[in-house]
C-alpha atoms as a PDB file:
ATOM      1  CA  MET A   1      -0.288  -3.307 -14.774  1.00  0.00           C
ATOM      2  CA  LEU A   2      -2.072  -5.329 -12.091  1.00  0.00           C
ATOM      3  CA  VAL A   3      -5.273  -7.275 -12.733  1.00  0.00           C
ATOM      4  CA  LEU A   4      -7.310  -9.333 -10.280  1.00  0.00           C
ATOM      5  CA  LYS A   5     -10.036 -11.294 -12.013  1.00  0.00           C
ATOM      6  CA  GLY A   6     -12.725 -13.283 -10.192  1.00  0.00           C
ATOM      7  CA  VAL A   7     -10.620 -13.752  -7.051  1.00  0.00           C
ATOM      8  CA  TYR A   8     -12.055 -15.804  -4.190  1.00  0.00           C
ATOM      9  CA  ALA A   9      -9.989 -16.248  -1.021  1.00  0.00           C
ATOM     10  CA  GLY A  10     -10.326 -16.818   2.695  1.00  0.00           C
ATOM     11  CA  TYR A  11      -8.958 -18.451   5.799  1.00  0.00           C
ATOM     12  CA  GLY A  12      -9.878 -22.082   6.359  1.00  0.00           C
ATOM     13  CA  LYS A  13     -13.620 -22.449   5.822  1.00  0.00           C
ATOM     14  CA  ILE A  14     -14.214 -18.704   6.110  1.00  0.00           C
ATOM     15  CA  ARG A  15     -14.452 -17.070   2.691  1.00  0.00           C
ATOM     16  CA  ILE A  16     -13.466 -13.392   2.770  1.00  0.00           C
ATOM     17  CA  LEU A  17     -13.168 -12.374  -0.894  1.00  0.00           C
ATOM     18  CA  LYS A  18     -16.052 -13.156  -3.219  1.00  0.00           C
ATOM     19  CA  GLY A  19     -15.140 -12.623  -6.848  1.00  0.00           C
ATOM     20  CA  ILE A  20     -12.883  -9.569  -6.714  1.00  0.00           C
ATOM     21  CA  ASN A  21     -12.168  -7.763  -9.996  1.00  0.00           C
ATOM     22  CA  LEU A  22      -9.613  -4.981  -9.648  1.00  0.00           C
ATOM     23  CA  GLU A  23      -7.076  -3.194 -11.836  1.00  0.00           C
ATOM     24  CA  VAL A  24      -4.161  -0.813 -11.367  1.00  0.00           C
ATOM     25  CA  SER A  25      -2.903   0.799 -14.569  1.00  0.00           C
ATOM     26  CA  GLU A  26       0.498   2.328 -15.207  1.00  0.00           C
ATOM     27  CA  GLY A  27       0.822   5.781 -13.655  1.00  0.00           C
ATOM     28  CA  GLU A  28      -2.051   5.438 -11.195  1.00  0.00           C
ATOM     29  CA  VAL A  29      -2.757   5.779  -7.516  1.00  0.00           C
ATOM     30  CA  VAL A  30      -5.679   3.462  -6.791  1.00  0.00           C
ATOM     31  CA  THR A  31      -7.321   3.297  -3.388  1.00  0.00           C
ATOM     32  CA  LEU A  32      -9.355   0.578  -1.684  1.00  0.00           C
ATOM     33  CA  ILE A  33     -11.776   1.868   0.927  1.00  0.00           C
ATOM     34  CA  GLY A  34     -14.153  -0.004   3.183  1.00  0.00           C
ATOM     35  CA  ALA A  35     -15.014  -0.766   6.767  1.00  0.00           C
ATOM     36  CA  ASN A  36     -12.990  -2.976   9.099  1.00  0.00           C
ATOM     37  CA  GLY A  37     -13.355  -6.600   8.059  1.00  0.00           C
ATOM     38  CA  ALA A  38     -14.378  -5.784   4.488  1.00  0.00           C
ATOM     39  CA  GLY A  39     -11.395  -7.696   3.082  1.00  0.00           C
ATOM     40  CA  LYS A  40      -9.013  -4.892   2.117  1.00  0.00           C
ATOM     41  CA  THR A  41      -5.907  -6.386   3.742  1.00  0.00           C
ATOM     42  CA  THR A  42      -6.859  -9.829   2.444  1.00  0.00           C
ATOM     43  CA  ILE A  43      -6.650  -8.454  -1.097  1.00  0.00           C
ATOM     44  CA  LEU A  44      -3.107  -7.227  -0.422  1.00  0.00           C
ATOM     45  CA  ARG A  45      -2.180 -10.618   1.016  1.00  0.00           C
ATOM     46  CA  VAL A  46      -3.434 -12.323  -2.127  1.00  0.00           C
ATOM     47  CA  ILE A  47      -1.481  -9.941  -4.371  1.00  0.00           C
ATOM     48  CA  THR A  48       1.758 -10.506  -2.431  1.00  0.00           C
ATOM     49  CA  GLY A  49       1.336 -14.278  -2.236  1.00  0.00           C
ATOM     50  CA  ILE A  50       0.946 -14.435   1.538  1.00  0.00           C
ATOM     51  CA  LEU A  51      -2.503 -15.909   0.911  1.00  0.00           C
ATOM     52  CA  LYS A  52      -3.245 -18.093  -2.121  1.00  0.00           C
ATOM     53  CA  PRO A  53      -6.614 -17.564  -3.822  1.00  0.00           C
ATOM     54  CA  GLU A  54      -9.134 -20.383  -3.953  1.00  0.00           C
ATOM     55  CA  LYS A  55      -9.823 -19.418  -7.552  1.00  0.00           C
ATOM     56  CA  GLY A  56      -9.350 -16.494  -9.882  1.00  0.00           C
ATOM     57  CA  GLU A  57      -6.384 -14.786 -11.489  1.00  0.00           C
ATOM     58  CA  VAL A  58      -3.759 -12.368 -10.175  1.00  0.00           C
ATOM     59  CA  ASN A  59      -1.755 -10.976 -13.058  1.00  0.00           C
ATOM     60  CA  PHE A  60       1.102  -8.453 -12.895  1.00  0.00           C
ATOM     61  CA  GLN A  61       2.603  -7.087 -16.102  1.00  0.00           C
ATOM     62  CA  GLY A  62       1.504 -10.196 -17.990  1.00  0.00           C
ATOM     63  CA  GLU A  63       2.719 -12.713 -15.399  1.00  0.00           C
ATOM     64  CA  GLU A  64       0.370 -14.875 -13.347  1.00  0.00           C
ATOM     65  CA  LEU A  65       1.315 -14.528  -9.676  1.00  0.00           C
ATOM     66  CA  SER A  66      -0.906 -17.084  -7.960  1.00  0.00           C
ATOM     67  CA  SER A  67       1.651 -19.884  -8.129  1.00  0.00           C
ATOM     68  CA  LEU A  68       4.656 -17.770  -7.135  1.00  0.00           C
ATOM     69  CA  ASP A  69       6.232 -17.556  -3.682  1.00  0.00           C
ATOM     70  CA  THR A  70       6.132 -14.220  -1.875  1.00  0.00           C
ATOM     71  CA  HIS A  71       9.810 -13.451  -2.442  1.00  0.00           C
ATOM     72  CA  LYS A  72       9.413 -14.052  -6.183  1.00  0.00           C
ATOM     73  CA  ILE A  73       6.476 -11.651  -6.270  1.00  0.00           C
ATOM     74  CA  ALA A  74       8.631  -9.054  -4.489  1.00  0.00           C
ATOM     75  CA  GLU A  75      11.351  -9.621  -7.069  1.00  0.00           C
ATOM     76  CA  SER A  76       8.805  -8.933  -9.815  1.00  0.00           C
ATOM     77  CA  GLY A  77       8.399  -5.410  -8.398  1.00  0.00           C
ATOM     78  CA  ILE A  78       5.480  -5.551  -5.938  1.00  0.00           C
ATOM     79  CA  VAL A  79       6.425  -4.318  -2.460  1.00  0.00           C
ATOM     80  CA  MET A  80       4.140  -3.785   0.536  1.00  0.00           C
ATOM     81  CA  VAL A  81       4.209  -1.377   3.460  1.00  0.00           C
ATOM     82  CA  PRO A  82       2.299  -3.465   6.029  1.00  0.00           C
ATOM     83  CA  GLU A  83      -0.317  -2.275   8.482  1.00  0.00           C
ATOM     84  CA  GLY A  84       1.310  -1.434  11.816  1.00  0.00           C
ATOM     85  CA  ARG A  85       4.635  -0.543  10.142  1.00  0.00           C
ATOM     86  CA  ARG A  86       6.538  -3.647  11.346  1.00  0.00           C
ATOM     87  CA  ILE A  87       9.945  -2.072  11.227  1.00  0.00           C
ATOM     88  CA  PHE A  88      12.941  -3.807  12.807  1.00  0.00           C
ATOM     89  CA  GLN A  89      12.667  -2.198  16.219  1.00  0.00           C
ATOM     90  CA  ARG A  90      16.168  -3.000  17.524  1.00  0.00           C
ATOM     91  CA  LEU A  91      18.030  -1.933  14.408  1.00  0.00           C
ATOM     92  CA  THR A  92      18.968   1.582  13.381  1.00  0.00           C
ATOM     93  CA  ILE A  93      17.175   3.584  10.716  1.00  0.00           C
ATOM     94  CA  LEU A  94      20.060   2.980   8.320  1.00  0.00           C
ATOM     95  CA  GLU A  95      20.077  -0.774   8.994  1.00  0.00           C
ATOM     96  CA  ASN A  96      16.342  -0.943   8.333  1.00  0.00           C
ATOM     97  CA  LEU A  97      16.848   0.779   4.995  1.00  0.00           C
ATOM     98  CA  GLU A  98      19.739  -1.485   4.066  1.00  0.00           C
ATOM     99  CA  LEU A  99      17.585  -4.538   4.752  1.00  0.00           C
ATOM    100  CA  GLY A 100      14.850  -3.020   2.602  1.00  0.00           C
ATOM    101  CA  GLY A 101      17.295  -3.060  -0.297  1.00  0.00           C
ATOM    102  CA  PHE A 102      18.273  -6.689   0.266  1.00  0.00           C
ATOM    103  CA  ARG A 103      16.892  -7.936  -3.048  1.00  0.00           C
ATOM    104  CA  ASN A 104      19.199  -5.486  -4.817  1.00  0.00           C
ATOM    105  CA  ARG A 105      22.234  -6.707  -2.875  1.00  0.00           C
ATOM    106  CA  LYS A 106      24.032  -7.935  -6.009  1.00  0.00           C
ATOM    107  CA  LYS A 107      23.989  -4.472  -7.540  1.00  0.00           C
ATOM    108  CA  PRO A 108      27.002  -2.136  -7.132  1.00  0.00           C
ATOM    109  CA  ARG A 109      27.277  -0.446  -3.728  1.00  0.00           C
ATOM    110  CA  GLU A 110      27.003   2.924  -5.456  1.00  0.00           C
ATOM    111  CA  GLU A 111      23.445   2.074  -6.526  1.00  0.00           C
ATOM    112  CA  SER A 112      22.518   1.091  -2.977  1.00  0.00           C
ATOM    113  CA  GLN A 113      23.901   4.359  -1.651  1.00  0.00           C
ATOM    114  CA  ALA A 114      21.993   6.263  -4.319  1.00  0.00           C
ATOM    115  CA  SER A 115      18.773   4.538  -3.206  1.00  0.00           C
ATOM    116  CA  ILE A 116      19.410   5.520   0.410  1.00  0.00           C
ATOM    117  CA  LYS A 117      20.057   9.122  -0.642  1.00  0.00           C
ATOM    118  CA  ALA A 118      16.796   9.109  -2.617  1.00  0.00           C
ATOM    119  CA  VAL A 119      14.909   7.950   0.492  1.00  0.00           C
ATOM    120  CA  PHE A 120      16.610  10.611   2.602  1.00  0.00           C
ATOM    121  CA  ALA A 121      15.603  13.235   0.027  1.00  0.00           C
ATOM    122  CA  ILE A 122      11.961  12.333   0.691  1.00  0.00           C
ATOM    123  CA  PHE A 123      12.448  11.909   4.454  1.00  0.00           C
ATOM    124  CA  PRO A 124      15.102  14.399   5.679  1.00  0.00           C
ATOM    125  CA  LYS A 125      14.302  13.489   9.318  1.00  0.00           C
ATOM    126  CA  LEU A 126      15.473   9.949   8.703  1.00  0.00           C
ATOM    127  CA  GLU A 127      18.800  11.193   7.405  1.00  0.00           C
ATOM    128  CA  GLU A 128      19.297  13.359  10.492  1.00  0.00           C
ATOM    129  CA  ARG A 129      18.670  10.349  12.756  1.00  0.00           C
ATOM    130  CA  GLN A 130      20.019   7.505  10.625  1.00  0.00           C
ATOM    131  CA  GLU A 131      21.980   5.980  13.523  1.00  0.00           C
ATOM    132  CA  GLN A 132      19.008   6.114  15.904  1.00  0.00           C
ATOM    133  CA  ILE A 133      17.395   2.850  17.019  1.00  0.00           C
ATOM    134  CA  ALA A 134      14.156   2.520  15.059  1.00  0.00           C
ATOM    135  CA  GLY A 135      12.074   1.459  18.065  1.00  0.00           C
ATOM    136  CA  THR A 136      12.671   4.843  19.701  1.00  0.00           C
ATOM    137  CA  LEU A 137      11.057   6.783  16.845  1.00  0.00           C
ATOM    138  CA  SER A 138       7.590   8.313  17.048  1.00  0.00           C
ATOM    139  CA  GLY A 139       4.711   6.577  15.282  1.00  0.00           C
ATOM    140  CA  GLY A 140       4.870   8.980  12.367  1.00  0.00           C
ATOM    141  CA  GLU A 141       8.614   8.573  11.990  1.00  0.00           C
ATOM    142  CA  GLN A 142       8.236   4.800  12.082  1.00  0.00           C
ATOM    143  CA  GLN A 143       5.656   5.034   9.280  1.00  0.00           C
ATOM    144  CA  MET A 144       8.080   7.132   7.255  1.00  0.00           C
ATOM    145  CA  LEU A 145      10.774   4.519   7.850  1.00  0.00           C
ATOM    146  CA  ALA A 146       8.438   1.696   6.790  1.00  0.00           C
ATOM    147  CA  ILE A 147       7.692   3.517   3.535  1.00  0.00           C
ATOM    148  CA  GLY A 148      11.366   4.340   3.019  1.00  0.00           C
ATOM    149  CA  ARG A 149      12.356   0.709   3.624  1.00  0.00           C
ATOM    150  CA  ALA A 150       9.847  -0.394   0.954  1.00  0.00           C
ATOM    151  CA  LEU A 151      11.203   2.161  -1.520  1.00  0.00           C
ATOM    152  CA  MET A 152      14.673   0.658  -1.097  1.00  0.00           C
ATOM    153  CA  ALA A 153      13.392  -2.364  -3.042  1.00  0.00           C
ATOM    154  CA  THR A 154      12.708  -0.085  -6.049  1.00  0.00           C
ATOM    155  CA  PRO A 155       9.065  -1.169  -6.412  1.00  0.00           C
ATOM    156  CA  LYS A 156       7.109  -0.889  -9.631  1.00  0.00           C
ATOM    157  CA  LEU A 157       3.932  -1.126  -7.573  1.00  0.00           C
ATOM    158  CA  LEU A 158       3.837  -0.033  -3.932  1.00  0.00           C
ATOM    159  CA  LEU A 159       1.079  -1.487  -1.739  1.00  0.00           C
ATOM    160  CA  ILE A 160       0.387   0.605   1.377  1.00  0.00           C
ATOM    161  CA  ASP A 161      -1.857  -0.785   4.113  1.00  0.00           C
ATOM    162  CA  GLU A 162      -3.551   1.712   6.476  1.00  0.00           C
ATOM    163  CA  PRO A 163      -0.741   4.323   6.682  1.00  0.00           C
ATOM    164  CA  SER A 164      -2.803   6.669   8.872  1.00  0.00           C
ATOM    165  CA  LEU A 165      -3.465   4.079  11.579  1.00  0.00           C
ATOM    166  CA  GLY A 166      -2.826   5.475  15.065  1.00  0.00           C
ATOM    167  CA  LEU A 167      -1.276   8.736  13.876  1.00  0.00           C
ATOM    168  CA  ALA A 168      -2.135  12.338  14.741  1.00  0.00           C
ATOM    169  CA  PRO A 169      -3.954  14.352  12.014  1.00  0.00           C
ATOM    170  CA  LEU A 170      -0.956  16.577  11.210  1.00  0.00           C
ATOM    171  CA  VAL A 171       1.279  13.514  10.831  1.00  0.00           C
ATOM    172  CA  VAL A 172      -1.326  11.801   8.642  1.00  0.00           C
ATOM    173  CA  LYS A 173      -1.409  14.856   6.371  1.00  0.00           C
ATOM    174  CA  LYS A 174       2.375  14.673   5.972  1.00  0.00           C
ATOM    175  CA  ILE A 175       2.269  10.938   5.208  1.00  0.00           C
ATOM    176  CA  PHE A 176      -0.287  11.495   2.458  1.00  0.00           C
ATOM    177  CA  GLU A 177       1.793  14.312   0.995  1.00  0.00           C
ATOM    178  CA  VAL A 178       4.693  11.858   0.870  1.00  0.00           C
ATOM    179  CA  ILE A 179       2.576   9.207  -0.891  1.00  0.00           C
ATOM    180  CA  LYS A 180       1.616  11.802  -3.485  1.00  0.00           C
ATOM    181  CA  GLU A 181       5.285  12.733  -3.957  1.00  0.00           C
ATOM    182  CA  ILE A 182       6.287   9.081  -4.349  1.00  0.00           C
ATOM    183  CA  HIS A 183       3.699   8.718  -7.096  1.00  0.00           C
ATOM    184  CA  GLN A 184       4.916  11.877  -8.812  1.00  0.00           C
ATOM    185  CA  ARG A 185       8.420  10.365  -8.794  1.00  0.00           C
ATOM    186  CA  GLY A 186       7.119   7.459 -10.876  1.00  0.00           C
ATOM    187  CA  THR A 187       5.954   4.724  -8.489  1.00  0.00           C
ATOM    188  CA  ASN A 188       2.473   3.252  -8.919  1.00  0.00           C
ATOM    189  CA  VAL A 189       0.480   2.922  -5.694  1.00  0.00           C
ATOM    190  CA  LEU A 190      -2.350   0.725  -4.413  1.00  0.00           C
ATOM    191  CA  LEU A 191      -3.500   2.295  -1.168  1.00  0.00           C
ATOM    192  CA  VAL A 192      -5.694   0.642   1.472  1.00  0.00           C
ATOM    193  CA  GLU A 193      -7.030   3.278   3.835  1.00  0.00           C
ATOM    194  CA  GLN A 194      -9.954   3.870   6.194  1.00  0.00           C
ATOM    195  CA  ASN A 195      -9.590   7.645   5.896  1.00  0.00           C
ATOM    196  CA  ALA A 196     -11.576   7.763   2.667  1.00  0.00           C
ATOM    197  CA  ARG A 197     -11.480  11.551   2.408  1.00  0.00           C
ATOM    198  CA  LEU A 198      -7.680  11.711   2.262  1.00  0.00           C
ATOM    199  CA  ALA A 199      -7.338   8.565   0.176  1.00  0.00           C
ATOM    200  CA  LEU A 200      -9.724   9.789  -2.517  1.00  0.00           C
ATOM    201  CA  LYS A 201      -8.059  13.200  -2.497  1.00  0.00           C
ATOM    202  CA  ILE A 202      -4.761  11.756  -3.775  1.00  0.00           C
ATOM    203  CA  ALA A 203      -6.092   8.793  -5.797  1.00  0.00           C
ATOM    204  CA  ASP A 204      -6.921   8.605  -9.488  1.00  0.00           C
ATOM    205  CA  ARG A 205      -9.491   5.849  -9.011  1.00  0.00           C
ATOM    206  CA  GLY A 206     -11.047   3.965  -6.150  1.00  0.00           C
ATOM    207  CA  TYR A 207     -12.854   0.775  -5.202  1.00  0.00           C
ATOM    208  CA  VAL A 208     -15.374   0.511  -2.383  1.00  0.00           C
ATOM    209  CA  LEU A 209     -15.285  -2.884  -0.683  1.00  0.00           C
ATOM    210  CA  SER A 210     -18.061  -4.324   1.470  1.00  0.00           C
ATOM    211  CA  THR A 211     -18.047  -7.830   3.003  1.00  0.00           C
ATOM    212  CA  GLY A 212     -15.604  -9.166   0.433  1.00  0.00           C
ATOM    213  CA  GLU A 213     -17.199  -7.680  -2.662  1.00  0.00           C
ATOM    214  CA  ILE A 214     -16.552  -4.589  -4.766  1.00  0.00           C
ATOM    215  CA  VAL A 215     -19.774  -2.581  -4.505  1.00  0.00           C
ATOM    216  CA  LEU A 216     -18.658   0.593  -6.264  1.00  0.00           C
ATOM    217  CA  THR A 217     -15.773   1.741  -8.420  1.00  0.00           C
ATOM    218  CA  GLY A 218     -14.887   4.810 -10.436  1.00  0.00           C
ATOM    219  CA  PRO A 219     -12.708   7.915 -10.692  1.00  0.00           C
ATOM    220  CA  ALA A 220     -11.871   9.374  -7.288  1.00  0.00           C
ATOM    221  CA  PRO A 221     -13.839  12.637  -7.848  1.00  0.00           C
ATOM    222  CA  SER A 222     -16.959  10.616  -8.738  1.00  0.00           C
ATOM    223  CA  LEU A 223     -16.644   8.533  -5.586  1.00  0.00           C
ATOM    224  CA  GLN A 224     -16.145  11.661  -3.496  1.00  0.00           C
ATOM    225  CA  SER A 225     -19.472  13.024  -4.730  1.00  0.00           C
ATOM    226  CA  ASP A 226     -21.341   9.721  -4.549  1.00  0.00           C
ATOM    227  CA  PRO A 227     -24.122   9.904  -1.888  1.00  0.00           C
ATOM    228  CA  MET A 228     -23.464   6.372  -0.610  1.00  0.00           C
ATOM    229  CA  VAL A 229     -19.743   7.037  -0.166  1.00  0.00           C
ATOM    230  CA  GLN A 230     -20.452  10.387   1.467  1.00  0.00           C
ATOM    231  CA  ALA A 231     -22.870   8.823   3.928  1.00  0.00           C
ATOM    232  CA  ALA A 232     -20.732   5.809   4.792  1.00  0.00           C
ATOM    233  CA  TYR A 233     -17.200   7.220   4.694  1.00  0.00           C
ATOM    234  CA  LEU A 234     -17.157  11.012   4.363  1.00  0.00           C
ATOM    235  CA  GLY A 235     -19.647  12.075   7.000  1.00  0.00           C
ATOM    236  CA  GLY A 236     -22.208  13.270   4.510  1.00  0.00           C
ATOM    237  CA  LYS A 237     -25.911  12.539   4.188  1.00  0.00           C
ATOM    238  CA  SER A 238     -27.147   9.915   1.734  1.00  0.00           C
ATOM    239  CA  THR A 239     -30.024  10.766  -0.613  1.00  0.00           C
ATOM    240  CA  ARG A 240     -30.428   7.150  -1.726  1.00  0.00           C
ATOM    241  CA  ARG A 241     -33.317   4.979  -0.612  1.00  0.00           C
END
């Protein structure tokens, strides 16, 4: 579904990504784990067209994305939930969702309403407070709204950047349950997350990123039991020398 092949990218003279090869197949949740500064968010920026690669290929369902503008990439079916949520603070929950469905604005109103109802089915709290100003929501509720807003664009592939950031453990658990439900409803997910334990628990496969390079990849259960991953990200003890 999504293929990155030999991708190099950076900011000015600073190269961040060094030959990234990554795939997301139909029906998968794939997670990217790594320390701060490893290049995880940079990969998402390359996929969405915010950052153009120096070289390499970014292919989505047979279409090369590198030359496309960000809005065209969104129209192809790739939608991102950004780090820090970035909801429209002064608008209501409902207005945020309506803006999330902007690219579908030419479709019948009934379809838009059906999309909103589908989001409310996943997030009942948002339905209860749909007229509330988004900036007054808790951090967890804002994260739910950010995910709901992205779903309004009917993504084929949902990119989620650090959904657990700044949230209490119980809220994080709920957010990850929601991501799992979204996948079960048919949306493919590429998840960037520092909480490797939770990310690998819901993922099919994972990539471990270190200083702009993929250093390990495999099925999520294999990564969970890998000594290097356990030592670096899961609080275990490495047996490697």
